[in-house]
C-alpha atoms as a PDB file:
ATOM      1  CA  MET A   1     114.579 110.510   2.771  1.00  0.00           C
ATOM      2  CA  SER A   2     115.815 112.534  -0.045  1.00  0.00           C
ATOM      3  CA  VAL A   3     115.030 116.180  -0.680  1.00  0.00           C
ATOM      4  CA  ALA A   4     113.005 115.138  -3.765  1.00  0.00           C
ATOM      5  CA  GLN A   5     110.861 112.553  -1.733  1.00  0.00           C
ATOM      6  CA  PHE A   6     110.364 115.241   1.057  1.00  0.00           C
ATOM      7  CA  SER A   7     108.920 117.828  -1.280  1.00  0.00           C
ATOM      8  CA  GLN A   8     106.725 115.347  -3.262  1.00  0.00           C
ATOM      9  CA  GLU A   9     105.107 114.395   0.146  1.00  0.00           C
ATOM     10  CA  THR A  10     103.884 117.858   1.020  1.00  0.00           C
ATOM     11  CA  SER A  11     100.702 119.726   0.146  1.00  0.00           C
ATOM     12  CA  GLY A  12     100.290 123.102  -1.260  1.00  0.00           C
ATOM     13  CA  LYS A  13     100.119 124.485   2.271  1.00  0.00           C
ATOM     14  CA  GLY A  14     103.182 122.833   3.380  1.00  0.00           C
ATOM     15  CA  GLU A  15     101.428 120.000   5.155  1.00  0.00           C
ATOM     16  CA  TRP A  16     103.165 116.534   4.993  1.00  0.00           C
ATOM     17  CA  VAL A  17     101.081 113.953   3.342  1.00  0.00           C
ATOM     18  CA  ARG A  18     101.695 110.330   4.081  1.00  0.00           C
ATOM     19  CA  GLN A  19     102.010 107.913   0.962  1.00  0.00           C
ATOM     20  CA  ALA A  20      99.071 105.458   0.650  1.00  0.00           C
ATOM     21  CA  ASN A  21      99.757 101.682   1.292  1.00  0.00           C
ATOM     22  CA  ARG A  22     100.419  99.992  -2.062  1.00  0.00           C
ATOM     23  CA  PHE A  23      99.898  96.350  -1.002  1.00  0.00           C
ATOM     24  CA  THR A  24      96.602  95.547   0.712  1.00  0.00           C
ATOM     25  CA  GLY A  25      96.152  91.732   0.495  1.00  0.00           C
ATOM     26  CA  ARG A  26      95.021  89.888   3.739  1.00  0.00           C
ATOM     27  CA  VAL A  27      95.810  86.798   5.227  1.00  0.00           C
ATOM     28  CA  SER A  28      92.373  85.433   6.299  1.00  0.00           C
ATOM     29  CA  ALA A  29      90.841  82.438   7.776  1.00  0.00           C
ATOM     30  CA  ALA A  30      88.025  82.930   5.255  1.00  0.00           C
ATOM     31  CA  SER A  31      90.401  82.381   2.425  1.00  0.00           C
ATOM     32  CA  THR A  32      89.269  79.553   0.060  1.00  0.00           C
ATOM     33  CA  SER A  33      92.763  78.896  -1.058  1.00  0.00           C
ATOM     34  CA  ALA A  34      94.340  75.612   0.073  1.00  0.00           C
ATOM     35  CA  PRO A  35      97.698  75.742   1.983  1.00  0.00           C
ATOM     36  CA  GLY A  36     100.459  76.412  -0.330  1.00  0.00           C
ATOM     37  CA  GLU A  37      98.279  78.313  -2.758  1.00  0.00           C
ATOM     38  CA  GLY A  38      98.245  81.929  -3.533  1.00  0.00           C
ATOM     39  CA  PRO A  39      95.385  84.362  -2.888  1.00  0.00           C
ATOM     40  CA  ASP A  40      91.783  83.411  -3.686  1.00  0.00           C
ATOM     41  CA  ASP A  41      89.549  85.393  -5.941  1.00  0.00           C
ATOM     42  CA  GLN A  42      88.892  87.797  -3.085  1.00  0.00           C
ATOM     43  CA  GLY A  43      92.615  88.649  -2.771  1.00  0.00           C
ATOM     44  CA  ARG A  44      92.659  86.666   0.640  1.00  0.00           C
ATOM     45  CA  TRP A  45      95.804  84.608   1.382  1.00  0.00           C
ATOM     46  CA  PRO A  46      95.336  81.383   3.349  1.00  0.00           C
ATOM     47  CA  VAL A  47      96.261  81.295   7.144  1.00  0.00           C
ATOM     48  CA  GLU A  48      99.292  79.031   7.130  1.00  0.00           C
ATOM     49  CA  PRO A  49     101.951  78.651   9.961  1.00  0.00           C
ATOM     50  CA  ASN A  50     105.646  79.264   8.931  1.00  0.00           C
ATOM     51  CA  ARG A  51     104.766  80.452   5.626  1.00  0.00           C
ATOM     52  CA  TYR A  52     104.925  84.263   6.222  1.00  0.00           C
ATOM     53  CA  ARG A  53     107.783  86.493   7.204  1.00  0.00           C
ATOM     54  CA  LEU A  54     107.266  89.889   8.856  1.00  0.00           C
ATOM     55  CA  ILE A  55     109.779  92.561   7.914  1.00  0.00           C
ATOM     56  CA  TRP A  56     110.435  95.352  10.311  1.00  0.00           C
ATOM     57  CA  SER A  57     112.850  98.063  11.472  1.00  0.00           C
ATOM     58  CA  LYS A  58     113.432  98.450  15.084  1.00  0.00           C
ATOM     59  CA  ALA A  59     113.373 102.088  14.369  1.00  0.00           C
ATOM     60  CA  CYS A  60     109.878 102.397  12.738  1.00  0.00           C
ATOM     61  CA  PRO A  61     106.849 102.976  15.011  1.00  0.00           C
ATOM     62  CA  TRP A  62     104.481 101.375  12.426  1.00  0.00           C
ATOM     63  CA  ALA A  63     106.610  98.201  12.197  1.00  0.00           C
ATOM     64  CA  HIS A  64     107.152  98.170  15.920  1.00  0.00           C
ATOM     65  CA  ARG A  65     103.414  97.749  16.753  1.00  0.00           C
ATOM     66  CA  ALA A  66     103.228  94.761  14.446  1.00  0.00           C
ATOM     67  CA  VAL A  67     106.018  93.115  16.255  1.00  0.00           C
ATOM     68  CA  ILE A  68     104.445  93.873  19.715  1.00  0.00           C
ATOM     69  CA  VAL A  69     101.111  92.402  18.784  1.00  0.00           C
ATOM     70  CA  ARG A  70     102.782  89.274  17.243  1.00  0.00           C
ATOM     71  CA  ARG A  71     104.629  88.762  20.466  1.00  0.00           C
ATOM     72  CA  LEU A  72     101.588  89.362  22.725  1.00  0.00           C
ATOM     73  CA  LEU A  73      99.440  86.884  20.841  1.00  0.00           C
ATOM     74  CA  GLY A  74     102.132  84.352  20.752  1.00  0.00           C
ATOM     75  CA  LEU A  75     102.766  84.310  17.071  1.00  0.00           C
ATOM     76  CA  ASP A  76     106.457  84.398  17.191  1.00  0.00           C
ATOM     77  CA  ASP A  77     106.795  80.819  16.262  1.00  0.00           C
ATOM     78  CA  VAL A  78     104.203  80.939  13.464  1.00  0.00           C
ATOM     79  CA  ILE A  79     105.202  84.085  11.590  1.00  0.00           C
ATOM     80  CA  SER A  80     108.941  84.522  11.235  1.00  0.00           C
ATOM     81  CA  LEU A  81     110.764  88.047  11.577  1.00  0.00           C
ATOM     82  CA  GLY A  82     113.275  89.666   9.500  1.00  0.00           C
ATOM     83  CA  THR A  83     114.940  93.030  10.494  1.00  0.00           C
ATOM     84  CA  VAL A  84     116.341  95.652   8.358  1.00  0.00           C
ATOM     85  CA  ASP A  85     119.161  98.169   9.002  1.00  0.00           C
ATOM     86  CA  PRO A  86     117.956 101.441  10.672  1.00  0.00           C
ATOM     87  CA  ILE A  87     120.018 103.390   8.118  1.00  0.00           C
ATOM     88  CA  ARG A  88     118.516 103.572   4.793  1.00  0.00           C
ATOM     89  CA  ASP A  89     120.390 104.519   1.738  1.00  0.00           C
ATOM     90  CA  GLU A  90     118.856 105.790  -1.581  1.00  0.00           C
ATOM     91  CA  ARG A  91     117.865 102.244  -2.314  1.00  0.00           C
ATOM     92  CA  GLY A  92     115.823 101.980   0.806  1.00  0.00           C
ATOM     93  CA  TRP A  93     115.690  99.468   3.606  1.00  0.00           C
ATOM     94  CA  ARG A  94     118.700  97.151   3.669  1.00  0.00           C
ATOM     95  CA  PHE A  95     119.245  93.668   5.059  1.00  0.00           C
ATOM     96  CA  THR A  96     122.799  94.509   6.215  1.00  0.00           C
ATOM     97  CA  LEU A  97     122.327  93.422   9.844  1.00  0.00           C
ATOM     98  CA  ASP A  98     122.164  89.608   8.483  1.00  0.00           C
ATOM     99  CA  PRO A  99     125.362  87.627   7.240  1.00  0.00           C
ATOM    100  CA  ASP A 100     126.332  88.610   3.766  1.00  0.00           C
ATOM    101  CA  GLY A 101     123.951  91.440   3.811  1.00  0.00           C
ATOM    102  CA  ARG A 102     120.998  89.239   2.692  1.00  0.00           C
ATOM    103  CA  ASP A 103     117.732  88.209   4.494  1.00  0.00           C
ATOM    104  CA  PRO A 104     118.419  84.553   5.237  1.00  0.00           C
ATOM    105  CA  VAL A 105     114.934  83.417   4.251  1.00  0.00           C
ATOM    106  CA  LEU A 106     114.151  85.708   1.371  1.00  0.00           C
ATOM    107  CA  GLY A 107     117.556  85.824  -0.083  1.00  0.00           C
ATOM    108  CA  VAL A 108     117.540  89.500  -0.975  1.00  0.00           C
ATOM    109  CA  GLU A 109     119.738  92.487  -0.172  1.00  0.00           C
ATOM    110  CA  PHE A 110     117.035  95.130  -0.062  1.00  0.00           C
ATOM    111  CA  LEU A 111     113.375  95.033   0.807  1.00  0.00           C
ATOM    112  CA  ALA A 112     112.752  97.034  -2.521  1.00  0.00           C
ATOM    113  CA  ASP A 113     113.720  93.692  -4.320  1.00  0.00           C
ATOM    114  CA  VAL A 114     110.651  92.094  -2.913  1.00  0.00           C
ATOM    115  CA  TYR A 115     108.496  95.080  -3.785  1.00  0.00           C
ATOM    116  CA  ARG A 116     109.615  95.124  -7.430  1.00  0.00           C
ATOM    117  CA  ALA A 117     109.346  91.304  -7.716  1.00  0.00           C
ATOM    118  CA  THR A 118     105.678  91.850  -6.630  1.00  0.00           C
ATOM    119  CA  ASP A 119     105.113  94.893  -8.895  1.00  0.00           C
ATOM    120  CA  PRO A 120     107.752  95.731 -11.386  1.00  0.00           C
ATOM    121  CA  ASP A 121     106.281  99.221 -12.034  1.00  0.00           C
ATOM    122  CA  TYR A 122     106.224 100.201  -8.343  1.00  0.00           C
ATOM    123  CA  THR A 123     107.966 103.677  -7.836  1.00  0.00           C
ATOM    124  CA  GLY A 124     106.782 104.701  -4.380  1.00  0.00           C
ATOM    125  CA  ARG A 125     108.852 104.477  -1.053  1.00  0.00           C
ATOM    126  CA  VAL A 126     109.385 100.920   0.293  1.00  0.00           C
ATOM    127  CA  THR A 127     107.858 100.744   3.658  1.00  0.00           C
ATOM    128  CA  VAL A 128     107.808  98.530   6.722  1.00  0.00           C
ATOM    129  CA  PRO A 129     106.048  96.567   8.174  1.00  0.00           C
ATOM    130  CA  ALA A 130     105.793  94.305   5.168  1.00  0.00           C
ATOM    131  CA  LEU A 131     104.276  90.776   5.306  1.00  0.00           C
ATOM    132  CA  ILE A 132     105.926  88.592   2.679  1.00  0.00           C
ATOM    133  CA  ASP A 133     104.809  85.124   1.289  1.00  0.00           C
ATOM    134  CA  THR A 134     107.955  83.049   1.497  1.00  0.00           C
ATOM    135  CA  LEU A 135     106.655  80.672  -1.117  1.00  0.00           C
ATOM    136  CA  THR A 136     106.244  83.126  -3.833  1.00  0.00           C
ATOM    137  CA  GLY A 137     108.664  85.929  -2.523  1.00  0.00           C
ATOM    138  CA  GLN A 138     105.877  88.325  -2.897  1.00  0.00           C
ATOM    139  CA  VAL A 139     104.635  91.181  -0.720  1.00  0.00           C
ATOM    140  CA  VAL A 140     101.126  90.337   0.807  1.00  0.00           C
ATOM    141  CA  THR A 141     100.581  93.567   2.588  1.00  0.00           C
ATOM    142  CA  ASN A 142     102.323  96.699   3.870  1.00  0.00           C
ATOM    143  CA  ASP A 143      98.898  97.849   5.075  1.00  0.00           C
ATOM    144  CA  TYR A 144     100.005  98.447   8.788  1.00  0.00           C
ATOM    145  CA  PRO A 145      96.664  99.309  10.255  1.00  0.00           C
ATOM    146  CA  GLN A 146      94.931  96.211   9.069  1.00  0.00           C
ATOM    147  CA  LEU A 147      97.821  93.934   9.489  1.00  0.00           C
ATOM    148  CA  THR A 148      97.685  94.011  13.296  1.00  0.00           C
ATOM    149  CA  LEU A 149      93.906  93.706  13.433  1.00  0.00           C
ATOM    150  CA  ASP A 150      94.183  90.607  11.164  1.00  0.00           C
ATOM    151  CA  PHE A 151      96.832  89.173  13.891  1.00  0.00           C
ATOM    152  CA  SER A 152      94.151  89.542  16.390  1.00  0.00           C
ATOM    153  CA  THR A 153      91.010  88.225  14.375  1.00  0.00           C
ATOM    154  CA  GLU A 154      92.317  85.951  11.610  1.00  0.00           C
ATOM    155  CA  TRP A 155      95.206  83.950  13.265  1.00  0.00           C
ATOM    156  CA  THR A 156      93.188  82.968  16.402  1.00  0.00           C
ATOM    157  CA  ALA A 157      93.742  79.220  15.598  1.00  0.00           C
ATOM    158  CA  PHE A 158      97.524  79.830  16.339  1.00  0.00           C
ATOM    159  CA  HIS A 159      97.258  82.356  19.269  1.00  0.00           C
ATOM    160  CA  GLY A 160      99.258  81.151  22.398  1.00  0.00           C
ATOM    161  CA  ASP A 161      97.606  80.151  25.557  1.00  0.00           C
ATOM    162  CA  GLY A 162      96.328  83.094  27.583  1.00  0.00           C
ATOM    163  CA  ALA A 163      96.729  85.509  24.661  1.00  0.00           C
ATOM    164  CA  PRO A 164      94.940  88.796  25.116  1.00  0.00           C
ATOM    165  CA  ASP A 165      91.931  89.911  23.269  1.00  0.00           C
ATOM    166  CA  LEU A 166      93.515  93.067  21.706  1.00  0.00           C
ATOM    167  CA  TYR A 167      90.407  93.874  19.558  1.00  0.00           C
ATOM    168  CA  PRO A 168      87.297  92.944  21.573  1.00  0.00           C
ATOM    169  CA  GLU A 169      84.260  92.918  19.452  1.00  0.00           C
ATOM    170  CA  ALA A 170      81.949  94.718  21.894  1.00  0.00           C
ATOM    171  CA  GLN A 171      84.530  97.662  22.086  1.00  0.00           C
ATOM    172  CA  ARG A 172      85.354  97.902  18.432  1.00  0.00           C
ATOM    173  CA  PRO A 173      83.321 100.954  17.482  1.00  0.00           C
ATOM    174  CA  GLU A 174      84.636 102.990  20.364  1.00  0.00           C
ATOM    175  CA  MET A 175      88.140 101.733  19.703  1.00  0.00           C
ATOM    176  CA  ASP A 176      88.076 102.424  15.944  1.00  0.00           C
ATOM    177  CA  GLU A 177      87.136 106.052  16.597  1.00  0.00           C
ATOM    178  CA  LEU A 178      89.863 106.401  19.387  1.00  0.00           C
ATOM    179  CA  MET A 179      92.588 104.758  17.218  1.00  0.00           C
ATOM    180  CA  SER A 180      91.520 107.058  14.247  1.00  0.00           C
ATOM    181  CA  GLU A 181      92.048 110.062  16.533  1.00  0.00           C
ATOM    182  CA  ILE A 182      95.222 108.822  17.725  1.00  0.00           C
ATOM    183  CA  TYR A 183      96.592 108.121  14.324  1.00  0.00           C
ATOM    184  CA  THR A 184      95.625 111.507  12.947  1.00  0.00           C
ATOM    185  CA  ASP A 185      96.971 113.642  15.799  1.00  0.00           C
ATOM    186  CA  VAL A 186      99.603 111.553  17.562  1.00  0.00           C
ATOM    187  CA  ASN A 187     101.090 108.707  15.412  1.00  0.00           C
ATOM    188  CA  ASN A 188     100.928 110.669  12.171  1.00  0.00           C
ATOM    189  CA  GLY A 189     100.807 114.061  13.975  1.00  0.00           C
ATOM    190  CA  VAL A 190     104.393 113.988  15.111  1.00  0.00           C
ATOM    191  CA  TYR A 191     105.401 113.516  11.472  1.00  0.00           C
ATOM    192  CA  LYS A 192     103.142 116.347  10.360  1.00  0.00           C
ATOM    193  CA  CYS A 193     105.075 118.420  12.734  1.00  0.00           C
ATOM    194  CA  GLY A 194     108.498 117.237  11.708  1.00  0.00           C
ATOM    195  CA  PHE A 195     108.083 117.381   7.903  1.00  0.00           C
ATOM    196  CA  ALA A 196     105.953 120.446   7.504  1.00  0.00           C
ATOM    197  CA  VAL A 197     107.453 123.110   5.399  1.00  0.00           C
ATOM    198  CA  SER A 198     105.479 126.058   6.485  1.00  0.00           C
ATOM    199  CA  GLN A 199     104.968 127.496   9.797  1.00  0.00           C
ATOM    200  CA  GLU A 200     101.318 127.516   9.454  1.00  0.00           C
ATOM    201  CA  ALA A 201     101.217 123.725   8.804  1.00  0.00           C
ATOM    202  CA  TYR A 202     103.552 123.050  11.527  1.00  0.00           C
ATOM    203  CA  GLU A 203     101.759 124.919  14.127  1.00  0.00           C
ATOM    204  CA  SER A 204      98.458 123.334  13.039  1.00  0.00           C
ATOM    205  CA  ALA A 205      99.907 119.832  13.614  1.00  0.00           C
ATOM    206  CA  TYR A 206     101.577 120.976  16.843  1.00  0.00           C
ATOM    207  CA  ARG A 207      98.319 122.188  18.374  1.00  0.00           C
ATOM    208  CA  GLY A 208      96.535 118.955  17.327  1.00  0.00           C
ATOM    209  CA  LEU A 209      99.129 116.824  18.779  1.00  0.00           C
ATOM    210  CA  PHE A 210      99.271 118.371  22.169  1.00  0.00           C
ATOM    211  CA  ALA A 211      95.458 118.858  22.484  1.00  0.00           C
ATOM    212  CA  ARG A 212      95.047 114.977  21.766  1.00  0.00           C
ATOM    213  CA  LEU A 213      97.834 114.149  24.241  1.00  0.00           C
ATOM    214  CA  ASP A 214      96.004 116.371  26.905  1.00  0.00           C
ATOM    215  CA  ALA A 215      92.792 114.563  26.075  1.00  0.00           C
ATOM    216  CA  LEU A 216      94.244 110.983  26.228  1.00  0.00           C
ATOM    217  CA  SER A 217      95.988 112.137  29.455  1.00  0.00           C
ATOM    218  CA  ASP A 218      92.513 113.084  30.924  1.00  0.00           C
ATOM    219  CA  ARG A 219      91.139 109.678  29.761  1.00  0.00           C
ATOM    220  CA  LEU A 220      94.045 107.818  31.319  1.00  0.00           C
ATOM    221  CA  ALA A 221      93.713 109.588  34.668  1.00  0.00           C
ATOM    222  CA  ARG A 222      90.550 107.490  35.215  1.00  0.00           C
ATOM    223  CA  ARG A 223      91.756 104.080  33.911  1.00  0.00           C
ATOM    224  CA  ARG A 224      94.889 101.879  33.700  1.00  0.00           C
ATOM    225  CA  PHE A 225      94.755 101.508  29.874  1.00  0.00           C
ATOM    226  CA  LEU A 226      92.888 103.258  27.144  1.00  0.00           C
ATOM    227  CA  MET A 227      89.928 100.931  27.037  1.00  0.00           C
ATOM    228  CA  GLY A 228      89.836 100.045  30.769  1.00  0.00           C
ATOM    229  CA  ASP A 229      91.634  97.546  32.695  1.00  0.00           C
ATOM    230  CA  ALA A 230      92.988  95.446  29.749  1.00  0.00           C
ATOM    231  CA  ILE A 231      95.519  96.175  27.111  1.00  0.00           C
ATOM    232  CA  THR A 232      94.168  96.430  23.626  1.00  0.00           C
ATOM    233  CA  GLU A 233      95.401  97.425  20.204  1.00  0.00           C
ATOM    234  CA  ALA A 234      94.813 101.078  20.856  1.00  0.00           C
ATOM    235  CA  ASP A 235      97.392 100.916  23.593  1.00  0.00           C
ATOM    236  CA  VAL A 236      99.924  99.377  21.330  1.00  0.00           C
ATOM    237  CA  ARG A 237      99.413 102.092  18.636  1.00  0.00           C
ATOM    238  CA  LEU A 238      99.833 104.937  21.233  1.00  0.00           C
ATOM    239  CA  PHE A 239     102.766 103.263  22.921  1.00  0.00           C
ATOM    240  CA  THR A 240     104.940 103.140  19.839  1.00  0.00           C
ATOM    241  CA  THR A 241     104.905 106.957  19.471  1.00  0.00           C
ATOM    242  CA  LEU A 242     105.221 107.782  23.266  1.00  0.00           C
ATOM    243  CA  VAL A 243     108.189 105.385  23.615  1.00  0.00           C
ATOM    244  CA  ARG A 244     109.958 107.542  20.805  1.00  0.00           C
ATOM    245  CA  PHE A 245     108.749 110.876  22.134  1.00  0.00           C
ATOM    246  CA  ASP A 246     111.526 112.184  24.211  1.00  0.00           C
ATOM    247  CA  ALA A 247     114.288 110.478  22.145  1.00  0.00           C
ATOM    248  CA  VAL A 248     113.250 111.771  18.837  1.00  0.00           C
ATOM    249  CA  TYR A 249     110.086 113.627  18.411  1.00  0.00           C
ATOM    250  CA  HIS A 250     110.263 116.432  21.083  1.00  0.00           C
ATOM    251  CA  ASN A 251     113.694 117.733  19.538  1.00  0.00           C
ATOM    252  CA  HIS A 252     113.943 116.239  16.001  1.00  0.00           C
ATOM    253  CA  PHE A 253     110.380 116.971  15.045  1.00  0.00           C
ATOM    254  CA  LYS A 254     109.993 120.123  17.121  1.00  0.00           C
ATOM    255  CA  CYS A 255     107.175 118.597  19.228  1.00  0.00           C
ATOM    256  CA  ASN A 256     108.521 120.661  22.288  1.00  0.00           C
ATOM    257  CA  ARG A 257     105.625 121.863  24.426  1.00  0.00           C
ATOM    258  CA  ASN A 258     106.490 119.227  26.949  1.00  0.00           C
ATOM    259  CA  LYS A 259     108.608 115.989  27.162  1.00  0.00           C
ATOM    260  CA  LEU A 260     106.869 112.693  27.930  1.00  0.00           C
ATOM    261  CA  THR A 261     108.592 112.846  31.263  1.00  0.00           C
ATOM    262  CA  GLU A 262     106.961 116.088  31.883  1.00  0.00           C
ATOM    263  CA  MET A 263     103.346 114.610  31.302  1.00  0.00           C
ATOM    264  CA  PRO A 264     102.870 112.542  34.681  1.00  0.00           C
ATOM    265  CA  VAL A 265      99.863 110.617  33.478  1.00  0.00           C
ATOM    266  CA  LEU A 266     101.142 109.646  30.115  1.00  0.00           C
ATOM    267  CA  TRP A 267     104.514 108.984  31.509  1.00  0.00           C
ATOM    268  CA  THR A 268     103.374 106.517  34.163  1.00  0.00           C
ATOM    269  CA  TYR A 269     101.066 104.895  31.521  1.00  0.00           C
ATOM    270  CA  ALA A 270     104.064 104.543  29.090  1.00  0.00           C
ATOM    271  CA  ARG A 271     106.227 102.982  31.717  1.00  0.00           C
ATOM    272  CA  ARG A 272     103.503 100.642  32.765  1.00  0.00           C
ATOM    273  CA  LEU A 273     103.424  99.321  29.191  1.00  0.00           C
ATOM    274  CA  PHE A 274     107.255  99.357  28.841  1.00  0.00           C
ATOM    275  CA  GLN A 275     107.425  97.087  31.766  1.00  0.00           C
ATOM    276  CA  THR A 276     104.793  94.686  30.447  1.00  0.00           C
ATOM    277  CA  PRO A 277     106.256  91.503  28.615  1.00  0.00           C
ATOM    278  CA  GLY A 278     105.928  91.997  24.925  1.00  0.00           C
ATOM    279  CA  PHE A 279     106.590  95.801  24.919  1.00  0.00           C
ATOM    280  CA  GLY A 280     109.953  96.917  26.500  1.00  0.00           C
ATOM    281  CA  GLU A 281     112.198  94.171  25.236  1.00  0.00           C
ATOM    282  CA  THR A 282     111.084  95.098  21.532  1.00  0.00           C
ATOM    283  CA  VAL A 283     112.355  98.715  22.040  1.00  0.00           C
ATOM    284  CA  ASP A 284     115.915  99.579  20.713  1.00  0.00           C
ATOM    285  CA  PHE A 285     116.496 103.346  21.545  1.00  0.00           C
ATOM    286  CA  ASP A 286     119.935 103.154  19.787  1.00  0.00           C
ATOM    287  CA  GLN A 287     118.476 102.063  16.458  1.00  0.00           C
ATOM    288  CA  ILE A 288     115.583 104.405  16.957  1.00  0.00           C
ATOM    289  CA  LYS A 289     117.910 107.424  17.245  1.00  0.00           C
ATOM    290  CA  ARG A 290     120.408 106.359  14.590  1.00  0.00           C
ATOM    291  CA  HIS A 291     117.476 106.109  12.056  1.00  0.00           C
ATOM    292  CA  TYR A 292     115.694 109.427  12.691  1.00  0.00           C
ATOM    293  CA  TYR A 293     118.726 111.531  13.092  1.00  0.00           C
ATOM    294  CA  GLY A 294     120.902 109.775  10.635  1.00  0.00           C
ATOM    295  CA  THR A 295     118.425 109.390   7.654  1.00  0.00           C
ATOM    296  CA  HIS A 296     116.638 112.912   7.610  1.00  0.00           C
ATOM    297  CA  ALA A 297     119.118 115.149   6.171  1.00  0.00           C
ATOM    298  CA  VAL A 298     116.714 117.869   5.563  1.00  0.00           C
ATOM    299  CA  ILE A 299     116.052 118.098   9.109  1.00  0.00           C
ATOM    300  CA  ASN A 300     119.285 117.199  10.498  1.00  0.00           C
ATOM    301  CA  PRO A 301     121.995 117.880   7.906  1.00  0.00           C
ATOM    302  CA  SER A 302     124.846 117.188  10.339  1.00  0.00           C
ATOM    303  CA  GLY A 303     123.681 113.710  10.950  1.00  0.00           C
ATOM    304  CA  ILE A 304     124.794 113.930  14.712  1.00  0.00           C
ATOM    305  CA  VAL A 305     122.847 111.565  16.910  1.00  0.00           C
ATOM    306  CA  PRO A 306     122.210 112.957  20.489  1.00  0.00           C
ATOM    307  CA  ALA A 307     123.708 111.120  23.379  1.00  0.00           C
ATOM    308  CA  GLY A 308     120.500 111.487  25.366  1.00  0.00           C
ATOM    309  CA  PRO A 309     117.994 111.251  26.795  1.00  0.00           C
ATOM    310  CA  ASP A 310     118.578 109.366  30.186  1.00  0.00           C
ATOM    311  CA  LEU A 311     116.580 106.097  29.748  1.00  0.00           C
ATOM    312  CA  ARG A 312     116.777 104.897  33.367  1.00  0.00           C
ATOM    313  CA  GLY A 313     113.312 106.224  34.105  1.00  0.00           C
ATOM    314  CA  TRP A 314     111.600 103.628  31.863  1.00  0.00           C
ATOM    315  CA  VAL A 315     112.503 100.878  34.307  1.00  0.00           C
ATOM    316  CA  MET A 316     111.821 102.834  37.628  1.00  0.00           C
ATOM    317  CA  PRO A 317     109.259 101.170  39.849  1.00  0.00           C
ATOM    318  CA  LEU A 318     105.662 102.180  39.060  1.00  0.00           C
ATOM    319  CA  GLY A 319     104.225 102.215  42.818  1.00  0.00           C
ATOM    320  CA  ASP A 320     100.593 101.539  43.220  1.00  0.00           C
ATOM    321  CA  ARG A 321      99.333 103.620  40.242  1.00  0.00           C
END
């Protein structure tokens, strides 16, 4: 993120403001478009296996949760996956991890190329996750909150055997409220701490973050997962922030009241998820650290990537809890 981008994304009080999602199309079972066609007049793209490609960065928590949901639901063989380099330059997310530096399906060097092909006038930041229609080479959506819910509710015909119900209908009102609180104070809260440019804005975000973590700890002291005995979308959304907490947010974003390892209930909960198939194997601490410490020059001008923390605790036995 350049200094210019950094300053444009703060309010008059020094609060960091997240950019709105530009592309909000949806792949929907209710689409009236036939296979191979574009969106219908409601902007709904047809559910079609092997047509769409999910682009992610292993460093990005917003993209990470889309990959976890995709895996938990058994959609790996239905929606393909492209991975960008954790280090961005001024042109944005790059496909330098692929042979010849191009995504093998989309044939582009930069995700920005797909954004411009979809909207030639687009001038905002290029973000992941992005769901791309491989037939037209256009962005369907970068609306990360809706994307994962649609994986659960619109792609049911292609869910794997025994796929969990990550968004149970009876619990949706409570879940929606809880996920909103987690987003505001935790998922986005760590960024509001890290990118604040006034002491007042930083301390406000800091207080909100740890008050919410304390409340979540109290909630999880009485249950295995946020909604009870089963993993839901809410757990996925919280996990991708918790798994980055000690490696990045505690130091780099000044979220330093406690480390995750110093919050016993949340630490046990995070490790339980990490050791659940679909979670831990999608975590890449090296890419996470290289991205945050290597691309935020305003916060870490030296670009030095910390050697720690010790990661062995993530695979420690959980015991009976």
